[in-house]
Amino acid sequence: MSSETARHELLSALAELGRLFPDWRMGQTLANLAMAAGHPESDAVWNLEDDEALAAVRRLIDRNTSRQASDPDKTLQQTAAE
């Protein structure tokens, strides 16, 4: 996958994640995405590769789409920490 294709897919996936969690600021979204990709360190967002971010955002969307359907009060912050 070209880096341009990966970037386009990542931006689309971030938009979908934003629709799932409209209360999140962009910084919160990126920080939670880095955590979900396995980067808990303070400079995680800076070091996060596009392919890692895309895989993580897809996992978060998959988990939270089904969880929100069954438990609308569960937040992504709870899920990202799991």
C-alpha atoms as a PDB file:
ATOM      1  CA  MET A   1       0.000   0.000   0.000  1.00  0.00           C
ATOM      2  CA  SER A   2       1.435   3.361  -0.933  1.00  0.00           C
ATOM      3  CA  SER A   3       1.920   5.961   1.755  1.00  0.00           C
ATOM      4  CA  GLU A   4      -0.628   8.185  -0.001  1.00  0.00           C
ATOM      5  CA  THR A   5      -3.211   5.391   0.043  1.00  0.00           C
ATOM      6  CA  ALA A   6      -2.503   4.602   3.701  1.00  0.00           C
ATOM      7  CA  ARG A   7      -2.815   8.282   4.627  1.00  0.00           C
ATOM      8  CA  HIS A   8      -6.151   8.586   2.808  1.00  0.00           C
ATOM      9  CA  GLU A   9      -7.482   5.443   4.514  1.00  0.00           C
ATOM     10  CA  LEU A  10      -6.248   6.664   7.894  1.00  0.00           C
ATOM     11  CA  LEU A  11      -7.936  10.044   7.506  1.00  0.00           C
ATOM     12  CA  SER A  12     -11.195   8.352   6.491  1.00  0.00           C
ATOM     13  CA  ALA A  13     -10.963   6.002   9.476  1.00  0.00           C
ATOM     14  CA  LEU A  14     -10.301   8.937  11.822  1.00  0.00           C
ATOM     15  CA  ALA A  15     -13.412  10.653  10.483  1.00  0.00           C
ATOM     16  CA  GLU A  16     -15.430   7.503  11.231  1.00  0.00           C
ATOM     17  CA  LEU A  17     -13.949   7.314  14.732  1.00  0.00           C
ATOM     18  CA  GLY A  18     -14.896  10.960  15.215  1.00  0.00           C
ATOM     19  CA  ARG A  19     -18.496  10.168  14.317  1.00  0.00           C
ATOM     20  CA  LEU A  20     -18.498   7.372  16.917  1.00  0.00           C
ATOM     21  CA  PHE A  21     -17.078   9.701  19.584  1.00  0.00           C
ATOM     22  CA  PRO A  22     -18.023  13.290  18.756  1.00  0.00           C
ATOM     23  CA  ASP A  23     -17.097  14.575  22.234  1.00  0.00           C
ATOM     24  CA  TRP A  24     -13.410  13.805  21.748  1.00  0.00           C
ATOM     25  CA  ARG A  25     -11.036  16.595  20.820  1.00  0.00           C
ATOM     26  CA  MET A  26      -8.521  15.744  18.088  1.00  0.00           C
ATOM     27  CA  GLY A  27      -5.651  15.599  20.588  1.00  0.00           C
ATOM     28  CA  GLN A  28      -7.566  13.102  22.712  1.00  0.00           C
ATOM     29  CA  THR A  29      -8.308  11.018  19.644  1.00  0.00           C
ATOM     30  CA  LEU A  30      -4.655  10.916  18.573  1.00  0.00           C
ATOM     31  CA  ALA A  31      -3.410  10.161  22.081  1.00  0.00           C
ATOM     32  CA  ASN A  32      -5.914   7.315  22.509  1.00  0.00           C
ATOM     33  CA  LEU A  33      -5.034   6.008  19.079  1.00  0.00           C
ATOM     34  CA  ALA A  34      -1.337   5.914  19.969  1.00  0.00           C
ATOM     35  CA  MET A  35      -2.166   4.071  23.201  1.00  0.00           C
ATOM     36  CA  ALA A  36      -4.338   1.583  21.318  1.00  0.00           C
ATOM     37  CA  ALA A  37      -1.417   0.976  18.932  1.00  0.00           C
ATOM     38  CA  GLY A  38       0.755   0.025  21.917  1.00  0.00           C
ATOM     39  CA  HIS A  39       2.683   3.282  22.361  1.00  0.00           C
ATOM     40  CA  PRO A  40       2.138   4.489  25.946  1.00  0.00           C
ATOM     41  CA  GLU A  41       5.230   6.730  26.031  1.00  0.00           C
ATOM     42  CA  SER A  42       4.910  10.520  26.117  1.00  0.00           C
ATOM     43  CA  ASP A  43       6.117  11.008  22.524  1.00  0.00           C
ATOM     44  CA  ALA A  44       3.852   8.257  21.186  1.00  0.00           C
ATOM     45  CA  VAL A  45       1.919  10.404  18.720  1.00  0.00           C
ATOM     46  CA  TRP A  46       5.156  11.679  17.214  1.00  0.00           C
ATOM     47  CA  ASN A  47       6.526   8.158  16.682  1.00  0.00           C
ATOM     48  CA  LEU A  48       3.307   6.483  15.520  1.00  0.00           C
ATOM     49  CA  GLU A  49       3.584   5.106  11.972  1.00  0.00           C
ATOM     50  CA  ASP A  50       0.609   5.455   9.639  1.00  0.00           C
ATOM     51  CA  ASP A  51       0.174   1.708   9.218  1.00  0.00           C
ATOM     52  CA  GLU A  52       0.157   1.207  13.013  1.00  0.00           C
ATOM     53  CA  ALA A  53      -2.351   4.012  13.424  1.00  0.00           C
ATOM     54  CA  LEU A  54      -4.595   2.626  10.698  1.00  0.00           C
ATOM     55  CA  ALA A  55      -4.598  -0.853  12.241  1.00  0.00           C
ATOM     56  CA  ALA A  56      -5.343   0.599  15.685  1.00  0.00           C
ATOM     57  CA  VAL A  57      -8.143   2.880  14.502  1.00  0.00           C
ATOM     58  CA  ARG A  58      -9.775  -0.004  12.639  1.00  0.00           C
ATOM     59  CA  ARG A  59      -9.653  -2.153  15.800  1.00  0.00           C
ATOM     60  CA  LEU A  60     -11.154   0.658  17.872  1.00  0.00           C
ATOM     61  CA  ILE A  61     -13.927   1.218  15.351  1.00  0.00           C
ATOM     62  CA  ASP A  62     -14.724  -2.495  15.211  1.00  0.00           C
ATOM     63  CA  ARG A  63     -14.777  -2.871  19.002  1.00  0.00           C
ATOM     64  CA  ASN A  64     -16.756   0.248  19.684  1.00  0.00           C
ATOM     65  CA  THR A  65     -19.317  -0.085  16.938  1.00  0.00           C
ATOM     66  CA  SER A  66     -20.464  -3.384  18.422  1.00  0.00           C
ATOM     67  CA  ARG A  67     -20.063  -2.230  22.036  1.00  0.00           C
ATOM     68  CA  GLN A  68     -22.003   0.976  21.514  1.00  0.00           C
ATOM     69  CA  ALA A  69     -24.818  -1.021  19.995  1.00  0.00           C
ATOM     70  CA  SER A  70     -24.993  -3.186  23.143  1.00  0.00           C
ATOM     71  CA  ASP A  71     -23.861  -0.597  25.753  1.00  0.00           C
ATOM     72  CA  PRO A  72     -24.168   3.044  24.634  1.00  0.00           C
ATOM     73  CA  ASP A  73     -22.669   4.307  27.922  1.00  0.00           C
ATOM     74  CA  LYS A  74     -19.282   2.604  27.376  1.00  0.00           C
ATOM     75  CA  THR A  75     -16.643   5.077  26.225  1.00  0.00           C
ATOM     76  CA  LEU A  76     -13.696   4.594  23.913  1.00  0.00           C
ATOM     77  CA  GLN A  77     -11.361   5.756  26.687  1.00  0.00           C
ATOM     78  CA  GLN A  78     -12.351   2.653  28.621  1.00  0.00           C
ATOM     79  CA  THR A  79     -11.785   0.526  25.514  1.00  0.00           C
ATOM     80  CA  ALA A  80      -8.435   2.096  24.588  1.00  0.00           C
ATOM     81  CA  ALA A  81      -7.155   1.306  28.075  1.00  0.00           C
ATOM     82  CA  GLU A  82      -8.092  -2.383  27.777  1.00  0.00           C
END
